[in-house]
């Protein structure tokens, strides 16, 4: 439940025009035009340490990530935990996990030993999948 609560930290924009954004040199990702991210921190709830969270309060979008040495182990634990949550629908498309809750869409994935979660209330999954796939 803690993991899902943290993942639900992320929220809404309904558009599709994207531009590349550099997140403090840690990674780059295409994001909707007009977004303005502020860095905060949180915890994934797996006792693996702090998570970097970038929030766009105006458009209600969150991008969270954590860098861990055993990312595959923790990622699999997160997936198992989410699968057991009530009122959550999860499908897998390529390497992306698409999660739908009552209020949010979430794309969860791992890349370069980092675990990422993109969450939005109104942003279409197509835009969120593009964001995830553009991560460098």
Foldseek 3Di string as FASTA:
>chain_A
DLLVVVLQQAAADADAAWDWDCDVVPKIFTDHPPFDWDWDWDDNPPPQDIWIWTARVVGRKIKIKDADPPLVVVLVVSVVVQVPDPQKDWDDDPQWIWIDHPFKTWIWGDDPRMTMIIIHRNYDPVRVVRRVVRMD
